[in-house]
Amino acid sequence: MSPDPNTDPTAFWEELYQQRERVWSGRANAALVAVAGEFAPGRALDLGCGEGGDSIWLAEQGWTVTGVDISATALARAASHAASRVVDADRIEWTQADLSEWRPEGEYDLVSACFLHSPVAFPREQVLQRAALPVASGGHLLVVGHAEFPNWSGTREGGHEHPELPTAQEVFDSLELPEDEWEVVVAEPRSRDAVGPDGQEAVLVDSVLLVRRR
């Protein structure tokens, strides 16, 4: 069932996380691993960090991470997962905030925004535009989204549950970044193997955009 788009976002995500002991796999997103594995560790900002899979992986690679999410339940679970993997607590700062209102402070060598899709009201384009602001010179912004929704999401071609999904190039265009200050490193669809919540095996296609501030 598709939720009312006017549902309070905090209430929606809290309910979602409280329905299961674990919603996500706990593994880092494949696109993040592929690109960030090539970078020297620095300061990273993980937007919509959920249960912390990406933030924890980054911390294990030597990054100092700020993980931001709207759900207190998700963040508590993320902190517990990090502790169970003996991640130094000083490596990750967990911040509860609504990204539609939150403003980043300081500079980051990597800002990651993976799968910021929401069935309730969420100004994704504006959030992604703000995500570019704290990227340091020589740093990167990574935006990963679904190029098509998983077959277990209840969405079908022509359905009304979700808006049309933008390509990586369309996401880049929407960021409205000054051409003389930024360069596109990656803007393409990428396939990956995945397992659904009930064990369904599938090949998913992600839209991957990586840009670098000059």
Protein backbone atom coordinates (compact mmCIF):
# COMPACT_ATOMS: atom_id res chain seq x y z
CA MET A 1 0.00 0.00 0.00
CA SER A 2 1.32 3.43 -0.94
CA PRO A 3 1.42 5.81 2.06
CA ASP A 4 -0.27 9.18 2.02
CA PRO A 5 2.39 11.57 0.62
CA ASN A 6 1.38 14.04 3.34
CA THR A 7 2.32 11.64 6.13
CA ASP A 8 4.75 13.15 8.63
CA PRO A 9 8.20 11.98 7.43
CA THR A 10 9.59 11.34 10.92
CA ALA A 11 6.58 9.24 11.87
CA PHE A 12 6.74 7.31 8.59
CA TRP A 13 10.40 6.36 8.87
CA GLU A 14 10.16 5.59 12.59
CA GLU A 15 7.30 3.18 11.90
CA LEU A 16 9.20 1.56 9.04
CA TYR A 17 12.30 0.91 11.16
CA GLN A 18 10.29 -0.33 14.12
CA GLN A 19 8.55 -2.96 12.00
CA ARG A 20 11.72 -5.08 11.72
CA GLU A 21 14.87 -5.63 13.72
CA ARG A 22 16.85 -4.87 10.57
CA VAL A 23 15.55 -3.20 7.40
CA TRP A 24 18.73 -3.09 5.28
CA SER A 25 21.51 -5.61 4.72
CA GLY A 26 24.15 -3.80 6.77
CA ARG A 27 26.53 -3.89 3.81
CA ALA A 28 27.84 -0.72 2.20
CA ASN A 29 26.33 0.28 -1.12
CA ALA A 30 28.26 -1.16 -4.05
CA ALA A 31 28.71 2.17 -5.82
CA LEU A 32 30.13 3.78 -2.68
CA VAL A 33 32.61 0.95 -2.20
CA ALA A 34 33.66 1.14 -5.84
CA VAL A 35 34.38 4.87 -5.86
CA ALA A 36 35.42 5.65 -2.29
CA GLY A 37 37.78 2.69 -2.22
CA GLU A 38 39.99 4.73 -4.56
CA PHE A 39 40.12 7.81 -2.31
CA ALA A 40 42.45 8.68 0.54
CA PRO A 41 40.38 8.82 3.76
CA GLY A 42 39.26 12.21 5.01
CA ARG A 43 36.00 13.67 6.31
CA ALA A 44 32.80 12.14 4.96
CA LEU A 45 29.13 13.09 5.23
CA ASP A 46 26.59 10.29 4.78
CA LEU A 47 23.12 11.70 4.08
CA GLY A 48 20.20 9.43 4.90
CA CYS A 49 22.53 6.95 6.58
CA GLY A 50 19.75 4.67 7.84
CA GLU A 51 21.15 1.76 9.84
CA GLY A 52 24.68 2.89 9.12
CA GLY A 53 26.05 0.42 6.57
CA ASP A 54 27.85 3.07 4.50
CA SER A 55 29.03 5.14 7.46
CA ILE A 56 30.46 2.11 9.22
CA TRP A 57 32.27 0.94 6.10
CA LEU A 58 33.78 4.38 5.58
CA ALA A 59 34.93 4.53 9.20
CA GLU A 60 36.54 1.11 8.83
CA GLN A 61 38.50 2.49 5.87
CA GLY A 62 39.84 5.33 8.02
CA TRP A 63 37.32 8.08 7.30
CA THR A 64 35.87 10.39 9.95
CA VAL A 65 32.15 10.26 9.26
CA THR A 66 29.01 12.22 10.04
CA GLY A 67 25.93 10.07 9.46
CA VAL A 68 22.61 11.90 9.24
CA ASP A 69 19.14 10.37 9.32
CA ILE A 70 15.61 11.35 10.28
CA SER A 71 14.98 8.18 12.30
CA ALA A 72 16.19 7.90 15.89
CA THR A 73 15.53 4.17 15.73
CA ALA A 74 17.74 3.78 12.68
CA LEU A 75 20.55 5.78 14.27
CA ALA A 76 20.43 3.80 17.52
CA ARG A 77 20.65 0.64 15.46
CA ALA A 78 23.55 2.10 13.46
CA ALA A 79 25.47 2.95 16.63
CA SER A 80 24.88 -0.57 17.93
CA HIS A 81 26.11 -2.10 14.67
CA ALA A 82 29.21 0.09 14.74
CA ALA A 83 29.98 -0.98 18.30
CA SER A 84 29.52 -4.64 17.42
CA ARG A 85 32.11 -4.20 14.67
CA VAL A 86 34.48 -2.47 17.11
CA VAL A 87 34.51 0.78 15.16
CA ASP A 88 36.18 3.57 17.13
CA ALA A 89 33.34 5.74 18.44
CA ASP A 90 35.34 8.86 17.55
CA ARG A 91 35.18 7.86 13.89
CA ILE A 92 31.42 8.37 13.50
CA GLU A 93 29.07 11.10 14.68
CA TRP A 94 25.39 10.14 14.38
CA THR A 95 23.03 13.09 13.82
CA GLN A 96 19.24 12.94 13.86
CA ALA A 97 17.82 15.51 11.46
CA ASP A 98 15.26 16.00 8.71
CA LEU A 99 17.31 16.57 5.57
CA SER A 100 14.60 18.82 4.18
CA GLU A 101 15.51 21.31 6.93
CA TRP A 102 19.05 20.40 8.02
CA ARG A 103 22.04 22.40 6.80
CA PRO A 104 25.56 20.92 6.82
CA GLU A 105 28.40 22.75 8.54
CA GLY A 106 32.11 22.64 7.75
CA GLU A 107 33.76 20.98 4.77
CA TYR A 108 33.88 17.34 3.69
CA ASP A 109 36.11 15.43 1.32
CA LEU A 110 33.21 13.16 0.41
CA VAL A 111 29.48 13.76 0.60
CA SER A 112 27.44 10.66 -0.12
CA ALA A 113 23.71 10.61 -0.84
CA CYS A 114 22.63 7.05 -1.62
CA PHE A 115 19.01 6.17 -2.41
CA LEU A 116 17.35 9.30 -1.09
CA HIS A 117 13.98 8.15 -2.40
CA SER A 118 10.90 8.62 -0.25
CA PRO A 119 7.24 7.63 -0.64
CA VAL A 120 6.30 10.63 1.52
CA ALA A 121 6.94 14.28 0.77
CA PHE A 122 10.68 14.97 0.39
CA PRO A 123 12.40 17.81 -1.54
CA ARG A 124 15.10 15.55 -3.00
CA GLU A 125 16.34 17.99 -5.62
CA GLN A 126 16.84 20.78 -3.08
CA VAL A 127 18.50 18.41 -0.61
CA LEU A 128 20.97 17.27 -3.27
CA GLN A 129 21.72 20.84 -4.27
CA ARG A 130 22.59 21.64 -0.65
CA ALA A 131 24.67 18.47 -0.45
CA ALA A 132 27.17 20.01 -2.86
CA LEU A 133 27.78 23.08 -0.70
CA PRO A 134 30.09 21.52 1.95
CA VAL A 135 32.27 19.60 -0.52
CA ALA A 136 35.86 20.76 -0.11
CA SER A 137 38.13 21.67 -3.00
CA GLY A 138 39.29 18.40 -4.55
CA GLY A 139 36.45 16.58 -2.79
CA HIS A 140 33.60 14.56 -4.26
CA LEU A 141 29.81 14.37 -4.19
CA LEU A 142 28.34 10.92 -4.81
CA VAL A 143 24.64 10.56 -5.65
CA VAL A 144 23.27 7.05 -6.12
CA GLY A 145 19.65 6.29 -6.86
CA HIS A 146 17.45 3.66 -8.40
CA ALA A 147 17.40 3.71 -12.19
CA GLU A 148 14.41 1.39 -11.88
CA PHE A 149 12.60 0.24 -8.78
CA PRO A 150 13.07 -3.31 -7.44
CA ASN A 151 10.33 -5.73 -8.44
CA TRP A 152 9.51 -6.29 -4.76
CA SER A 153 8.76 -2.60 -4.15
CA GLY A 154 5.20 -2.91 -5.46
CA THR A 155 5.94 -0.45 -8.26
CA ARG A 156 5.34 -1.35 -11.86
CA GLU A 157 5.97 0.51 -15.08
CA GLY A 158 3.20 3.03 -15.51
CA GLY A 159 2.28 2.85 -11.81
CA HIS A 160 1.53 5.91 -9.70
CA GLU A 161 3.36 5.12 -6.50
CA HIS A 162 6.62 6.91 -7.38
CA PRO A 163 7.66 9.75 -9.69
CA GLU A 164 9.71 8.97 -12.76
CA LEU A 165 13.29 8.17 -11.80
CA PRO A 166 15.95 10.59 -13.06
CA THR A 167 19.06 9.47 -14.90
CA ALA A 168 22.51 10.37 -13.57
CA GLN A 169 22.77 13.12 -16.20
CA GLU A 170 19.39 14.51 -15.18
CA VAL A 171 20.49 14.55 -11.55
CA PHE A 172 23.66 16.40 -12.53
CA ASP A 173 21.68 18.96 -14.51
CA SER A 174 19.34 19.52 -11.55
CA LEU A 175 22.29 20.29 -9.25
CA GLU A 176 23.00 23.44 -11.29
CA LEU A 177 26.70 23.33 -10.44
CA PRO A 178 29.05 25.97 -11.93
CA GLU A 179 30.86 24.27 -14.81
CA ASP A 180 34.15 25.99 -14.00
CA GLU A 181 34.09 24.66 -10.42
CA TRP A 182 33.02 21.05 -10.95
CA GLU A 183 33.80 18.11 -13.18
CA VAL A 184 31.83 14.94 -13.80
CA VAL A 185 33.79 11.80 -12.94
CA VAL A 186 30.99 9.22 -13.36
CA ALA A 187 27.45 9.59 -14.72
CA GLU A 188 26.04 6.23 -15.73
CA PRO A 189 23.74 3.33 -14.86
CA ARG A 190 25.38 0.38 -13.06
CA SER A 191 23.97 -3.09 -12.48
CA ARG A 192 24.38 -5.10 -9.29
CA ASP A 193 23.11 -8.34 -7.82
CA ALA A 194 20.67 -7.94 -4.96
CA VAL A 195 18.47 -9.95 -2.61
CA GLY A 196 15.04 -8.69 -1.64
CA PRO A 197 13.49 -8.58 1.84
CA ASP A 198 11.97 -12.05 1.37
CA GLY A 199 15.02 -13.60 -0.27
CA GLN A 200 14.18 -12.63 -3.84
CA GLU A 201 17.23 -12.57 -6.11
CA ALA A 202 17.42 -9.83 -8.71
CA VAL A 203 19.73 -7.70 -10.81
CA LEU A 204 19.12 -4.04 -10.00
CA VAL A 205 20.19 -0.98 -11.96
CA ASP A 206 21.45 2.08 -10.13
CA SER A 207 21.97 5.61 -11.38
CA VAL A 208 25.45 6.67 -10.28
CA LEU A 209 26.72 10.23 -10.34
CA LEU A 210 30.14 11.23 -9.00
CA VAL A 211 31.30 14.83 -9.32
CA ARG A 212 34.50 16.50 -8.12
CA ARG A 213 34.96 20.07 -6.98
CA ARG A 214 38.02 21.49 -8.69
